[in-house]
Amino acid sequence: MSVQTREKLLRAAKKVFAERGFHNAQISHIIDEAGVARGTFYLYFKGKEEIFKEILNEVITELKKRIKVIDLSRDPVEQLKENIINVIDYALQERELARIVLNKNCDPELFSVVDEFFEEVRKTVKSSLDKGVSLGIIREVNTEILSYALVGTLKEVIRGLIGGREIPPEVVAEEIISIGLKGVLIKEGGRSHGSGSALQGLQAEAHKEGREG
């Protein structure tokens, strides 16, 4: 058996799964893309599920290398930003793989490795947030909820970026961190426009329209 042939099959499978999804992809599509015989495929993989798992494991292994454990001697928010940049960088370099991971359109058991990975990411994010709160860098927040929100946001942003939008990963990471930790409302005099005078003005107008209607 040849390492080159195995790699050729994996490359072909990535392309096929990314374009067709797991359910619609067939071994015939993979071997046609790779330019090999069906018998050759079975020399390397038992079936579609096995090569799919191989691809998922490859993605997770590479992403784990890029996500660093929080160093307590450094700014945790800056480290969180660096981890987000690393994930986005990889997704943009491997768009086909990113599509496969983000489009969970097959048996949940096959994707258990992906779910476990994102849970590890969420815990790393939560650890960063907890450290930031303890240092007084981040206000008191529910870090459990915020960690889910940040990871969910990251997934959806990556989904948009791999669709063709070209925004530097550093800019994206900065925006995710800014929104997640600071919100989007402009503060004035210690109060948010949205939750203070501006919002009260909108409420007053709505009440007035209701009475006039």
N, C-alpha and C. Protein backbone atom coordinates (compact mmCIF):
# COMPACT_ATOMS: atom_id res chain seq x y z
N MET A 1 0.84 -1.20 0.00
CA MET A 1 0.00 0.00 0.00
C MET A 1 0.88 1.25 0.00
N SER A 2 0.36 2.31 -0.59
CA SER A 2 1.13 3.52 -0.78
C SER A 2 0.59 4.68 0.06
N VAL A 3 1.51 5.41 0.69
CA VAL A 3 1.13 6.60 1.46
C VAL A 3 0.53 7.65 0.52
N GLN A 4 1.10 7.74 -0.69
CA GLN A 4 0.61 8.72 -1.65
C GLN A 4 -0.84 8.44 -2.06
N THR A 5 -1.16 7.16 -2.26
CA THR A 5 -2.53 6.80 -2.64
C THR A 5 -3.50 7.10 -1.50
N ARG A 6 -3.09 6.79 -0.28
CA ARG A 6 -3.93 7.08 0.89
C ARG A 6 -4.21 8.59 0.99
N GLU A 7 -3.18 9.39 0.80
CA GLU A 7 -3.34 10.84 0.86
C GLU A 7 -4.24 11.33 -0.27
N LYS A 8 -4.09 10.71 -1.45
CA LYS A 8 -4.93 11.08 -2.58
C LYS A 8 -6.41 10.81 -2.28
N LEU A 9 -6.68 9.66 -1.66
CA LEU A 9 -8.05 9.32 -1.28
C LEU A 9 -8.60 10.30 -0.24
N LEU A 10 -7.77 10.66 0.73
CA LEU A 10 -8.21 11.60 1.77
C LEU A 10 -8.51 12.97 1.16
N ARG A 11 -7.65 13.43 0.27
CA ARG A 11 -7.90 14.73 -0.38
C ARG A 11 -9.19 14.71 -1.18
N ALA A 12 -9.40 13.61 -1.89
CA ALA A 12 -10.62 13.47 -2.68
C ALA A 12 -11.86 13.44 -1.78
N ALA A 13 -11.76 12.71 -0.68
CA ALA A 13 -12.89 12.59 0.25
C ALA A 13 -13.23 13.94 0.88
N LYS A 14 -12.21 14.72 1.22
CA LYS A 14 -12.45 16.07 1.79
C LYS A 14 -13.28 16.90 0.82
N LYS A 15 -12.88 16.86 -0.45
CA LYS A 15 -13.58 17.66 -1.46
C LYS A 15 -15.02 17.17 -1.63
N VAL A 16 -15.19 15.86 -1.69
CA VAL A 16 -16.53 15.29 -1.91
C VAL A 16 -17.44 15.56 -0.72
N PHE A 17 -16.95 15.32 0.50
CA PHE A 17 -17.77 15.55 1.69
C PHE A 17 -18.13 17.03 1.84
N ALA A 18 -17.18 17.91 1.53
CA ALA A 18 -17.44 19.35 1.65
C ALA A 18 -18.50 19.80 0.66
N GLU A 19 -18.49 19.22 -0.54
CA GLU A 19 -19.43 19.62 -1.59
C GLU A 19 -20.79 18.96 -1.44
N ARG A 20 -20.81 17.69 -1.04
CA ARG A 20 -22.04 16.91 -1.05
C ARG A 20 -22.62 16.65 0.33
N GLY A 21 -21.81 16.80 1.37
CA GLY A 21 -22.26 16.40 2.70
C GLY A 21 -22.06 14.90 2.87
N PHE A 22 -22.17 14.45 4.11
CA PHE A 22 -21.90 13.04 4.39
C PHE A 22 -22.92 12.11 3.73
N HIS A 23 -24.21 12.40 3.89
CA HIS A 23 -25.26 11.49 3.41
C HIS A 23 -25.26 11.35 1.90
N ASN A 24 -25.01 12.45 1.18
CA ASN A 24 -25.08 12.41 -0.28
C ASN A 24 -23.78 11.94 -0.93
N ALA A 25 -22.73 11.89 -0.15
CA ALA A 25 -21.44 11.44 -0.70
C ALA A 25 -21.42 9.91 -0.80
N GLN A 26 -20.90 9.42 -1.89
CA GLN A 26 -20.80 7.98 -2.11
C GLN A 26 -19.33 7.62 -2.35
N ILE A 27 -18.99 6.37 -2.10
CA ILE A 27 -17.62 5.92 -2.37
C ILE A 27 -17.28 6.11 -3.85
N SER A 28 -18.27 5.94 -4.70
CA SER A 28 -18.03 6.13 -6.14
C SER A 28 -17.58 7.56 -6.44
N HIS A 29 -18.15 8.54 -5.72
CA HIS A 29 -17.74 9.93 -5.91
C HIS A 29 -16.28 10.12 -5.50
N ILE A 30 -15.91 9.48 -4.40
CA ILE A 30 -14.55 9.63 -3.87
C ILE A 30 -13.52 9.01 -4.82
N ILE A 31 -13.81 7.81 -5.29
CA ILE A 31 -12.83 7.14 -6.17
C ILE A 31 -12.75 7.82 -7.53
N ASP A 32 -13.87 8.38 -7.98
CA ASP A 32 -13.83 9.13 -9.25
C ASP A 32 -12.97 10.38 -9.09
N GLU A 33 -13.12 11.06 -7.97
CA GLU A 33 -12.34 12.26 -7.71
C GLU A 33 -10.86 11.93 -7.57
N ALA A 34 -10.58 10.80 -6.92
CA ALA A 34 -9.19 10.39 -6.69
C ALA A 34 -8.57 9.74 -7.92
N GLY A 35 -9.43 9.23 -8.81
CA GLY A 35 -8.92 8.55 -10.00
C GLY A 35 -8.35 7.18 -9.70
N VAL A 36 -9.00 6.46 -8.77
CA VAL A 36 -8.54 5.10 -8.43
C VAL A 36 -9.71 4.13 -8.56
N ALA A 37 -9.40 2.84 -8.53
CA ALA A 37 -10.43 1.81 -8.62
C ALA A 37 -11.09 1.59 -7.27
N ARG A 38 -12.30 1.04 -7.29
CA ARG A 38 -13.02 0.78 -6.04
C ARG A 38 -12.23 -0.17 -5.14
N GLY A 39 -11.62 -1.17 -5.73
CA GLY A 39 -10.84 -2.12 -4.94
C GLY A 39 -9.69 -1.44 -4.21
N THR A 40 -9.12 -0.42 -4.84
CA THR A 40 -8.01 0.33 -4.21
C THR A 40 -8.51 1.05 -2.96
N PHE A 41 -9.71 1.60 -3.04
CA PHE A 41 -10.28 2.30 -1.87
C PHE A 41 -10.33 1.36 -0.67
N TYR A 42 -10.81 0.13 -0.89
CA TYR A 42 -11.00 -0.81 0.21
C TYR A 42 -9.68 -1.38 0.76
N LEU A 43 -8.61 -1.13 0.06
CA LEU A 43 -7.31 -1.50 0.61
C LEU A 43 -6.92 -0.59 1.78
N TYR A 44 -7.49 0.63 1.78
CA TYR A 44 -7.12 1.64 2.77
C TYR A 44 -8.21 1.93 3.79
N PHE A 45 -9.46 1.83 3.37
CA PHE A 45 -10.57 2.17 4.26
C PHE A 45 -11.70 1.15 4.11
N LYS A 46 -12.36 0.84 5.24
CA LYS A 46 -13.44 -0.15 5.22
C LYS A 46 -14.71 0.39 4.56
N GLY A 47 -14.87 1.71 4.62
CA GLY A 47 -16.07 2.29 4.04
C GLY A 47 -16.09 3.80 4.19
N LYS A 48 -17.21 4.40 3.86
CA LYS A 48 -17.35 5.85 3.89
C LYS A 48 -17.19 6.40 5.31
N GLU A 49 -17.74 5.68 6.29
CA GLU A 49 -17.68 6.15 7.68
C GLU A 49 -16.24 6.22 8.17
N GLU A 50 -15.44 5.23 7.80
CA GLU A 50 -14.06 5.20 8.30
C GLU A 50 -13.23 6.35 7.74
N ILE A 51 -13.35 6.63 6.45
CA ILE A 51 -12.57 7.72 5.88
C ILE A 51 -13.07 9.06 6.40
N PHE A 52 -14.36 9.15 6.69
CA PHE A 52 -14.92 10.37 7.25
C PHE A 52 -14.36 10.62 8.65
N LYS A 53 -14.32 9.56 9.46
CA LYS A 53 -13.74 9.68 10.81
C LYS A 53 -12.28 10.09 10.74
N GLU A 54 -11.57 9.54 9.77
CA GLU A 54 -10.14 9.88 9.59
C GLU A 54 -9.98 11.37 9.33
N ILE A 55 -10.86 11.91 8.50
CA ILE A 55 -10.81 13.34 8.18
C ILE A 55 -11.11 14.18 9.42
N LEU A 56 -12.14 13.81 10.16
CA LEU A 56 -12.49 14.55 11.38
C LEU A 56 -11.35 14.53 12.38
N ASN A 57 -10.74 13.37 12.56
CA ASN A 57 -9.63 13.26 13.51
C ASN A 57 -8.44 14.12 13.08
N GLU A 58 -8.23 14.21 11.78
CA GLU A 58 -7.15 15.05 11.26
C GLU A 58 -7.40 16.52 11.61
N VAL A 59 -8.64 16.95 11.43
CA VAL A 59 -9.00 18.34 11.74
C VAL A 59 -8.78 18.63 13.22
N ILE A 60 -9.32 17.76 14.07
CA ILE A 60 -9.24 17.99 15.51
C ILE A 60 -7.79 17.97 15.99
N THR A 61 -7.00 17.05 15.47
CA THR A 61 -5.59 16.97 15.86
C THR A 61 -4.87 18.27 15.53
N GLU A 62 -5.12 18.81 14.34
CA GLU A 62 -4.45 20.04 13.92
C GLU A 62 -4.93 21.23 14.75
N LEU A 63 -6.23 21.29 15.01
CA LEU A 63 -6.76 22.42 15.79
C LEU A 63 -6.24 22.39 17.23
N LYS A 64 -6.12 21.20 17.78
CA LYS A 64 -5.61 21.10 19.15
C LYS A 64 -4.18 21.63 19.26
N LYS A 65 -3.42 21.46 18.20
CA LYS A 65 -2.05 21.98 18.19
C LYS A 65 -2.05 23.51 18.23
N ARG A 66 -3.10 24.10 17.68
CA ARG A 66 -3.15 25.56 17.53
C ARG A 66 -3.76 26.27 18.73
N ILE A 67 -4.45 25.53 19.57
CA ILE A 67 -5.08 26.15 20.74
C ILE A 67 -4.21 25.92 21.96
N LYS A 68 -3.72 27.00 22.52
CA LYS A 68 -2.78 26.93 23.63
C LYS A 68 -3.50 27.05 24.97
N VAL A 69 -3.00 26.30 25.94
CA VAL A 69 -3.51 26.40 27.31
C VAL A 69 -3.13 27.77 27.85
N ILE A 70 -4.03 28.34 28.66
CA ILE A 70 -3.81 29.68 29.19
C ILE A 70 -2.60 29.72 30.12
N ASP A 71 -1.70 30.66 29.84
CA ASP A 71 -0.52 30.90 30.66
C ASP A 71 -0.89 31.97 31.69
N LEU A 72 -0.88 31.61 32.95
CA LEU A 72 -1.34 32.51 34.01
C LEU A 72 -0.45 33.75 34.16
N SER A 73 0.74 33.72 33.56
CA SER A 73 1.64 34.87 33.68
C SER A 73 1.38 35.93 32.62
N ARG A 74 0.47 35.63 31.67
CA ARG A 74 0.17 36.57 30.58
C ARG A 74 -1.30 36.98 30.59
N ASP A 75 -1.58 38.06 29.88
CA ASP A 75 -2.95 38.58 29.77
C ASP A 75 -3.86 37.50 29.19
N PRO A 76 -4.87 37.03 29.94
CA PRO A 76 -5.73 35.94 29.45
C PRO A 76 -6.59 36.35 28.27
N VAL A 77 -6.99 37.62 28.20
CA VAL A 77 -7.82 38.08 27.08
C VAL A 77 -7.00 38.08 25.79
N GLU A 78 -5.74 38.51 25.89
CA GLU A 78 -4.87 38.50 24.71
C GLU A 78 -4.63 37.06 24.24
N GLN A 79 -4.50 36.14 25.17
CA GLN A 79 -4.30 34.73 24.79
C GLN A 79 -5.56 34.16 24.16
N LEU A 80 -6.71 34.57 24.66
CA LEU A 80 -7.98 34.14 24.07
C LEU A 80 -8.06 34.62 22.62
N LYS A 81 -7.67 35.86 22.41
CA LYS A 81 -7.67 36.42 21.05
C LYS A 81 -6.73 35.63 20.14
N GLU A 82 -5.54 35.29 20.65
CA GLU A 82 -4.58 34.52 19.85
C GLU A 82 -5.14 33.16 19.47
N ASN A 83 -5.83 32.50 20.39
CA ASN A 83 -6.43 31.19 20.09
C ASN A 83 -7.50 31.31 19.02
N ILE A 84 -8.30 32.36 19.10
CA ILE A 84 -9.36 32.58 18.10
C ILE A 84 -8.72 32.80 16.73
N ILE A 85 -7.67 33.60 16.68
CA ILE A 85 -6.97 33.86 15.40
C ILE A 85 -6.43 32.55 14.82
N ASN A 86 -5.86 31.71 15.68
CA ASN A 86 -5.30 30.44 15.21
C ASN A 86 -6.37 29.54 14.60
N VAL A 87 -7.54 29.49 15.23
CA VAL A 87 -8.64 28.67 14.71
C VAL A 87 -9.14 29.21 13.38
N ILE A 88 -9.31 30.53 13.30
CA ILE A 88 -9.79 31.15 12.06
C ILE A 88 -8.78 30.94 10.93
N ASP A 89 -7.50 31.12 11.25
CA ASP A 89 -6.44 30.91 10.25
C ASP A 89 -6.53 29.52 9.63
N TYR A 90 -6.69 28.52 10.50
CA TYR A 90 -6.75 27.14 10.02
C TYR A 90 -7.99 26.92 9.15
N ALA A 91 -9.12 27.46 9.61
CA ALA A 91 -10.37 27.30 8.85
C ALA A 91 -10.27 27.91 7.47
N LEU A 92 -9.58 29.05 7.37
CA LEU A 92 -9.45 29.70 6.07
C LEU A 92 -8.44 28.99 5.18
N GLN A 93 -7.45 28.36 5.78
CA GLN A 93 -6.48 27.58 5.01
C GLN A 93 -7.08 26.27 4.53
N GLU A 94 -7.97 25.71 5.33
CA GLU A 94 -8.59 24.40 5.02
C GLU A 94 -10.11 24.56 4.96
N ARG A 95 -10.57 25.30 3.99
CA ARG A 95 -12.00 25.63 3.91
C ARG A 95 -12.88 24.39 3.75
N GLU A 96 -12.39 23.42 2.97
CA GLU A 96 -13.19 22.21 2.78
C GLU A 96 -13.37 21.47 4.10
N LEU A 97 -12.29 21.37 4.88
CA LEU A 97 -12.37 20.70 6.17
C LEU A 97 -13.28 21.46 7.12
N ALA A 98 -13.19 22.78 7.09
CA ALA A 98 -14.03 23.60 7.96
C ALA A 98 -15.51 23.39 7.64
N ARG A 99 -15.83 23.30 6.36
CA ARG A 99 -17.23 23.05 5.97
C ARG A 99 -17.71 21.70 6.51
N ILE A 100 -16.85 20.70 6.43
CA ILE A 100 -17.22 19.37 6.91
C ILE A 100 -17.52 19.40 8.40
N VAL A 101 -16.65 20.07 9.17
CA VAL A 101 -16.80 20.13 10.62
C VAL A 101 -18.04 20.92 11.03
N LEU A 102 -18.30 22.02 10.32
CA LEU A 102 -19.40 22.90 10.72
C LEU A 102 -20.76 22.40 10.23
N ASN A 103 -20.77 21.60 9.17
CA ASN A 103 -22.04 21.08 8.65
C ASN A 103 -22.31 19.69 9.21
N LYS A 104 -22.88 19.65 10.39
CA LYS A 104 -23.12 18.37 11.08
C LYS A 104 -24.36 17.70 10.50
N ASN A 105 -24.17 17.09 9.35
CA ASN A 105 -25.32 16.51 8.66
C ASN A 105 -25.22 15.00 8.56
N CYS A 106 -24.71 14.36 9.61
CA CYS A 106 -24.65 12.90 9.61
C CYS A 106 -24.90 12.39 11.01
N ASP A 107 -24.72 11.10 11.20
CA ASP A 107 -24.94 10.45 12.49
C ASP A 107 -24.18 11.21 13.60
N PRO A 108 -24.89 11.66 14.65
CA PRO A 108 -24.23 12.39 15.75
C PRO A 108 -23.05 11.64 16.35
N GLU A 109 -23.10 10.30 16.31
CA GLU A 109 -22.00 9.52 16.88
C GLU A 109 -20.70 9.77 16.13
N LEU A 110 -20.79 9.97 14.81
CA LEU A 110 -19.61 10.24 14.02
C LEU A 110 -18.99 11.59 14.41
N PHE A 111 -19.85 12.50 14.84
CA PHE A 111 -19.37 13.84 15.16
C PHE A 111 -19.04 14.01 16.63
N SER A 112 -19.07 12.93 17.39
CA SER A 112 -18.80 13.03 18.82
C SER A 112 -17.41 13.63 19.08
N VAL A 113 -16.44 13.29 18.23
CA VAL A 113 -15.08 13.82 18.39
C VAL A 113 -15.07 15.33 18.20
N VAL A 114 -15.90 15.83 17.30
CA VAL A 114 -15.99 17.28 17.06
C VAL A 114 -16.66 17.96 18.26
N ASP A 115 -17.75 17.37 18.75
CA ASP A 115 -18.44 17.94 19.91
C ASP A 115 -17.52 17.99 21.12
N GLU A 116 -16.75 16.93 21.31
CA GLU A 116 -15.81 16.89 22.44
C GLU A 116 -14.74 17.97 22.29
N PHE A 117 -14.29 18.19 21.05
CA PHE A 117 -13.28 19.21 20.82
C PHE A 117 -13.82 20.60 21.15
N PHE A 118 -14.99 20.92 20.64
CA PHE A 118 -15.55 22.25 20.88
C PHE A 118 -15.87 22.46 22.37
N GLU A 119 -16.17 21.38 23.07
CA GLU A 119 -16.36 21.51 24.51
C GLU A 119 -15.03 21.83 25.19
N GLU A 120 -13.95 21.23 24.70
CA GLU A 120 -12.62 21.57 25.24
C GLU A 120 -12.29 23.04 24.96
N VAL A 121 -12.63 23.50 23.75
CA VAL A 121 -12.40 24.91 23.40
C VAL A 121 -13.20 25.81 24.34
N ARG A 122 -14.46 25.44 24.55
CA ARG A 122 -15.31 26.27 25.43
C ARG A 122 -14.72 26.35 26.83
N LYS A 123 -14.20 25.24 27.34
CA LYS A 123 -13.61 25.24 28.67
C LYS A 123 -12.36 26.11 28.72
N THR A 124 -11.59 26.10 27.63
CA THR A 124 -10.40 26.97 27.56
C THR A 124 -10.82 28.43 27.57
N VAL A 125 -11.88 28.74 26.81
CA VAL A 125 -12.41 30.11 26.79
C VAL A 125 -12.89 30.50 28.19
N LYS A 126 -13.62 29.61 28.82
CA LYS A 126 -14.12 29.90 30.17
C LYS A 126 -12.97 30.14 31.15
N SER A 127 -11.91 29.35 31.03
CA SER A 127 -10.74 29.53 31.88
C SER A 127 -10.13 30.91 31.69
N SER A 128 -10.07 31.36 30.43
CA SER A 128 -9.54 32.70 30.13
C SER A 128 -10.41 33.77 30.78
N LEU A 129 -11.73 33.58 30.64
CA LEU A 129 -12.66 34.56 31.21
C LEU A 129 -12.59 34.59 32.73
N ASP A 130 -12.53 33.41 33.34
CA ASP A 130 -12.44 33.33 34.81
C ASP A 130 -11.18 34.06 35.30
N LYS A 131 -10.07 33.84 34.60
CA LYS A 131 -8.82 34.49 34.98
C LYS A 131 -8.94 36.00 34.82
N GLY A 132 -9.58 36.43 33.72
CA GLY A 132 -9.77 37.85 33.49
C GLY A 132 -10.61 38.51 34.57
N VAL A 133 -11.64 37.81 35.01
CA VAL A 133 -12.49 38.33 36.10
C VAL A 133 -11.68 38.45 37.39
N SER A 134 -10.91 37.41 37.70
CA SER A 134 -10.13 37.40 38.94
C SER A 134 -9.07 38.50 38.96
N LEU A 135 -8.57 38.88 37.77
CA LEU A 135 -7.56 39.93 37.68
C LEU A 135 -8.18 41.32 37.59
N GLY A 136 -9.49 41.37 37.45
CA GLY A 136 -10.15 42.67 37.33
C GLY A 136 -10.13 43.23 35.93
N ILE A 137 -9.73 42.40 34.94
CA ILE A 137 -9.70 42.85 33.55
C ILE A 137 -11.10 42.80 32.94
N ILE A 138 -11.88 41.82 33.39
CA ILE A 138 -13.24 41.60 32.88
C ILE A 138 -14.21 41.82 34.04
N ARG A 139 -15.34 42.46 33.75
CA ARG A 139 -16.35 42.66 34.79
C ARG A 139 -16.94 41.32 35.20
N GLU A 140 -17.62 41.31 36.32
CA GLU A 140 -18.27 40.10 36.80
C GLU A 140 -19.34 39.66 35.81
N VAL A 141 -19.17 38.48 35.24
CA VAL A 141 -20.13 37.94 34.28
C VAL A 141 -20.32 36.46 34.55
N ASN A 142 -21.36 35.89 33.95
CA ASN A 142 -21.55 34.44 33.99
C ASN A 142 -20.64 33.86 32.91
N THR A 143 -19.46 33.43 33.31
CA THR A 143 -18.47 32.97 32.33
C THR A 143 -18.91 31.69 31.62
N GLU A 144 -19.78 30.91 32.25
CA GLU A 144 -20.30 29.70 31.61
C GLU A 144 -21.10 30.07 30.38
N ILE A 145 -22.05 31.00 30.56
CA ILE A 145 -22.90 31.42 29.44
C ILE A 145 -22.08 32.14 28.39
N LEU A 146 -21.19 33.03 28.83
CA LEU A 146 -20.40 33.81 27.88
C LEU A 146 -19.47 32.92 27.06
N SER A 147 -18.94 31.86 27.66
CA SER A 147 -18.07 30.95 26.91
C SER A 147 -18.84 30.24 25.80
N TYR A 148 -20.09 29.83 26.09
CA TYR A 148 -20.92 29.23 25.04
C TYR A 148 -21.20 30.24 23.94
N ALA A 149 -21.48 31.48 24.33
CA ALA A 149 -21.80 32.52 23.36
C ALA A 149 -20.62 32.81 22.44
N LEU A 150 -19.43 32.89 23.01
CA LEU A 150 -18.24 33.20 22.21
C LEU A 150 -17.91 32.07 21.23
N VAL A 151 -17.99 30.83 21.70
CA VAL A 151 -17.69 29.70 20.82
C VAL A 151 -18.75 29.58 19.72
N GLY A 152 -20.01 29.79 20.08
CA GLY A 152 -21.08 29.76 19.08
C GLY A 152 -20.90 30.86 18.04
N THR A 153 -20.52 32.05 18.49
CA THR A 153 -20.25 33.16 17.58
C THR A 153 -19.10 32.83 16.65
N LEU A 154 -18.05 32.26 17.22
CA LEU A 154 -16.87 31.89 16.41
C LEU A 154 -17.26 30.92 15.30
N LYS A 155 -18.07 29.92 15.62
CA LYS A 155 -18.49 28.94 14.61
C LYS A 155 -19.24 29.62 13.47
N GLU A 156 -20.19 30.50 13.81
CA GLU A 156 -21.00 31.14 12.78
C GLU A 156 -20.18 32.12 11.95
N VAL A 157 -19.25 32.82 12.58
CA VAL A 157 -18.39 33.75 11.85
C VAL A 157 -17.51 32.97 10.86
N ILE A 158 -16.95 31.86 11.31
CA ILE A 158 -16.13 31.03 10.42
C ILE A 158 -16.98 30.53 9.24
N ARG A 159 -18.21 30.14 9.53
CA ARG A 159 -19.09 29.67 8.46
C ARG A 159 -19.25 30.75 7.38
N GLY A 160 -19.37 32.00 7.82
CA GLY A 160 -19.49 33.10 6.87
C GLY A 160 -18.19 33.37 6.13
N LEU A 161 -17.07 33.29 6.84
CA LEU A 161 -15.78 33.58 6.22
C LEU A 161 -15.40 32.55 5.16
N ILE A 162 -15.67 31.27 5.42
CA ILE A 162 -15.27 30.25 4.45
C ILE A 162 -16.17 30.28 3.22
N GLY A 163 -17.28 31.04 3.33
CA GLY A 163 -18.15 31.20 2.17
C GLY A 163 -17.60 32.19 1.16
N GLY A 164 -16.49 32.87 1.52
CA GLY A 164 -15.87 33.75 0.54
C GLY A 164 -15.54 35.14 1.03
N ARG A 165 -16.09 35.56 2.18
CA ARG A 165 -15.81 36.90 2.68
C ARG A 165 -14.36 36.99 3.16
N GLU A 166 -13.67 38.02 2.73
CA GLU A 166 -12.25 38.16 3.06
C GLU A 166 -12.07 39.24 4.13
N ILE A 167 -11.93 38.82 5.37
CA ILE A 167 -11.66 39.73 6.48
C ILE A 167 -10.49 39.15 7.25
N PRO A 168 -9.48 39.96 7.54
CA PRO A 168 -8.31 39.44 8.26
C PRO A 168 -8.70 38.79 9.59
N PRO A 169 -8.13 37.62 9.90
CA PRO A 169 -8.46 36.93 11.16
C PRO A 169 -8.26 37.80 12.40
N GLU A 170 -7.24 38.67 12.37
CA GLU A 170 -6.99 39.54 13.52
C GLU A 170 -8.16 40.50 13.76
N VAL A 171 -8.72 41.00 12.67
CA VAL A 171 -9.87 41.91 12.78
C VAL A 171 -11.08 41.17 13.32
N VAL A 172 -11.30 39.97 12.80
CA VAL A 172 -12.44 39.15 13.24
C VAL A 172 -12.32 38.82 14.72
N ALA A 173 -11.14 38.38 15.14
CA ALA A 173 -10.93 38.00 16.54
C ALA A 173 -11.15 39.19 17.45
N GLU A 174 -10.63 40.35 17.06
CA GLU A 174 -10.79 41.57 17.87
C GLU A 174 -12.27 41.92 18.03
N GLU A 175 -13.03 41.76 16.95
CA GLU A 175 -14.46 42.09 16.99
C GLU A 175 -15.23 41.12 17.88
N ILE A 176 -14.91 39.83 17.77
CA ILE A 176 -15.58 38.83 18.60
C ILE A 176 -15.31 39.09 20.08
N ILE A 177 -14.05 39.36 20.41
CA ILE A 177 -13.68 39.65 21.79
C ILE A 177 -14.36 40.92 22.27
N SER A 178 -14.36 41.95 21.42
CA SER A 178 -14.95 43.24 21.80
C SER A 178 -16.44 43.11 22.09
N ILE A 179 -17.14 42.42 21.19
CA ILE A 179 -18.59 42.25 21.37
C ILE A 179 -18.87 41.36 22.58
N GLY A 180 -18.10 40.28 22.70
CA GLY A 180 -18.33 39.35 23.79
C GLY A 180 -18.07 39.94 25.16
N LEU A 181 -17.03 40.77 25.27
CA LEU A 181 -16.65 41.28 26.57
C LEU A 181 -17.17 42.69 26.87
N LYS A 182 -17.43 43.48 25.80
CA LYS A 182 -17.85 44.87 26.02
C LYS A 182 -19.26 45.15 25.55
N GLY A 183 -19.82 44.27 24.73
CA GLY A 183 -21.13 44.56 24.17
C GLY A 183 -21.00 45.50 22.98
N VAL A 184 -22.14 45.99 22.48
CA VAL A 184 -22.11 46.85 21.30
C VAL A 184 -22.66 48.25 21.59
N LEU A 185 -23.19 48.50 22.78
CA LEU A 185 -23.75 49.80 23.09
C LEU A 185 -22.66 50.77 23.54
N ILE A 186 -22.80 52.03 23.12
CA ILE A 186 -21.85 53.06 23.53
C ILE A 186 -22.21 53.54 24.92
N LYS A 187 -21.22 53.59 25.80
CA LYS A 187 -21.45 54.03 27.17
C LYS A 187 -21.28 55.55 27.26
N GLU A 188 -22.12 56.17 28.06
CA GLU A 188 -22.00 57.60 28.30
C GLU A 188 -22.41 57.89 29.73
N GLY A 189 -21.49 58.44 30.50
CA GLY A 189 -21.80 58.75 31.88
C GLY A 189 -22.12 57.52 32.70
N GLY A 190 -21.49 56.39 32.31
CA GLY A 190 -21.69 55.17 33.08
C GLY A 190 -22.96 54.43 32.72
N ARG A 191 -23.73 54.96 31.73
CA ARG A 191 -24.97 54.30 31.34
C ARG A 191 -24.93 53.98 29.86
N SER A 192 -25.57 52.90 29.46
CA SER A 192 -25.63 52.54 28.05
C SER A 192 -26.74 53.31 27.39
N HIS A 193 -26.44 53.84 26.19
CA HIS A 193 -27.49 54.53 25.45
C HIS A 193 -28.70 53.62 25.27
N GLY A 194 -28.44 52.38 24.90
CA GLY A 194 -29.54 51.48 24.60
C GLY A 194 -30.40 51.15 25.79
N SER A 195 -29.80 51.08 26.97
CA SER A 195 -30.58 50.71 28.14
C SER A 195 -31.02 51.92 28.93
N GLY A 196 -30.57 53.13 28.50
CA GLY A 196 -30.91 54.34 29.23
C GLY A 196 -31.81 55.25 28.44
N SER A 197 -31.31 56.49 28.21
CA SER A 197 -32.16 57.51 27.62
C SER A 197 -32.68 57.16 26.24
N ALA A 198 -31.83 56.58 25.39
CA ALA A 198 -32.27 56.27 24.03
C ALA A 198 -33.39 55.26 24.03
N LEU A 199 -33.23 54.19 24.82
CA LEU A 199 -34.24 53.16 24.88
C LEU A 199 -35.53 53.71 25.49
N GLN A 200 -35.38 54.55 26.53
CA GLN A 200 -36.57 55.14 27.15
C GLN A 200 -37.31 56.03 26.17
N GLY A 201 -36.54 56.73 25.30
CA GLY A 201 -37.16 57.58 24.29
C GLY A 201 -37.97 56.75 23.31
N LEU A 202 -37.40 55.62 22.87
CA LEU A 202 -38.12 54.74 21.95
C LEU A 202 -39.39 54.19 22.59
N GLN A 203 -39.27 53.82 23.86
CA GLN A 203 -40.44 53.30 24.58
C GLN A 203 -41.52 54.36 24.69
N ALA A 204 -41.11 55.62 24.94
CA ALA A 204 -42.07 56.72 25.07
C ALA A 204 -42.79 56.96 23.74
N GLU A 205 -42.01 56.90 22.62
CA GLU A 205 -42.62 57.09 21.30
C GLU A 205 -43.62 55.99 21.01
N ALA A 206 -43.24 54.73 21.34
CA ALA A 206 -44.15 53.62 21.10
C ALA A 206 -45.42 53.76 21.92
N HIS A 207 -45.27 54.22 23.15
CA HIS A 207 -46.44 54.40 24.02
C HIS A 207 -47.35 55.50 23.46
N LYS A 208 -46.72 56.57 22.96
CA LYS A 208 -47.48 57.68 22.39
C LYS A 208 -48.24 57.24 21.17
N GLU A 209 -47.58 56.47 20.27
CA GLU A 209 -48.24 55.98 19.06
C GLU A 209 -49.41 55.08 19.42
N GLY A 210 -49.24 54.31 20.48
CA GLY A 210 -50.29 53.40 20.92
C GLY A 210 -51.53 54.17 21.36
N ARG A 211 -51.31 55.30 22.03
CA ARG A 211 -52.45 56.08 22.49
C ARG A 211 -53.14 56.79 21.36
N GLU A 212 -52.30 57.24 20.37
CA GLU A 212 -52.89 57.98 19.25
C GLU A 212 -53.60 57.06 18.29
N GLY A 213 -53.12 55.75 18.24
CA GLY A 213 -53.71 54.80 17.29
C GLY A 213 -54.99 54.36 17.75
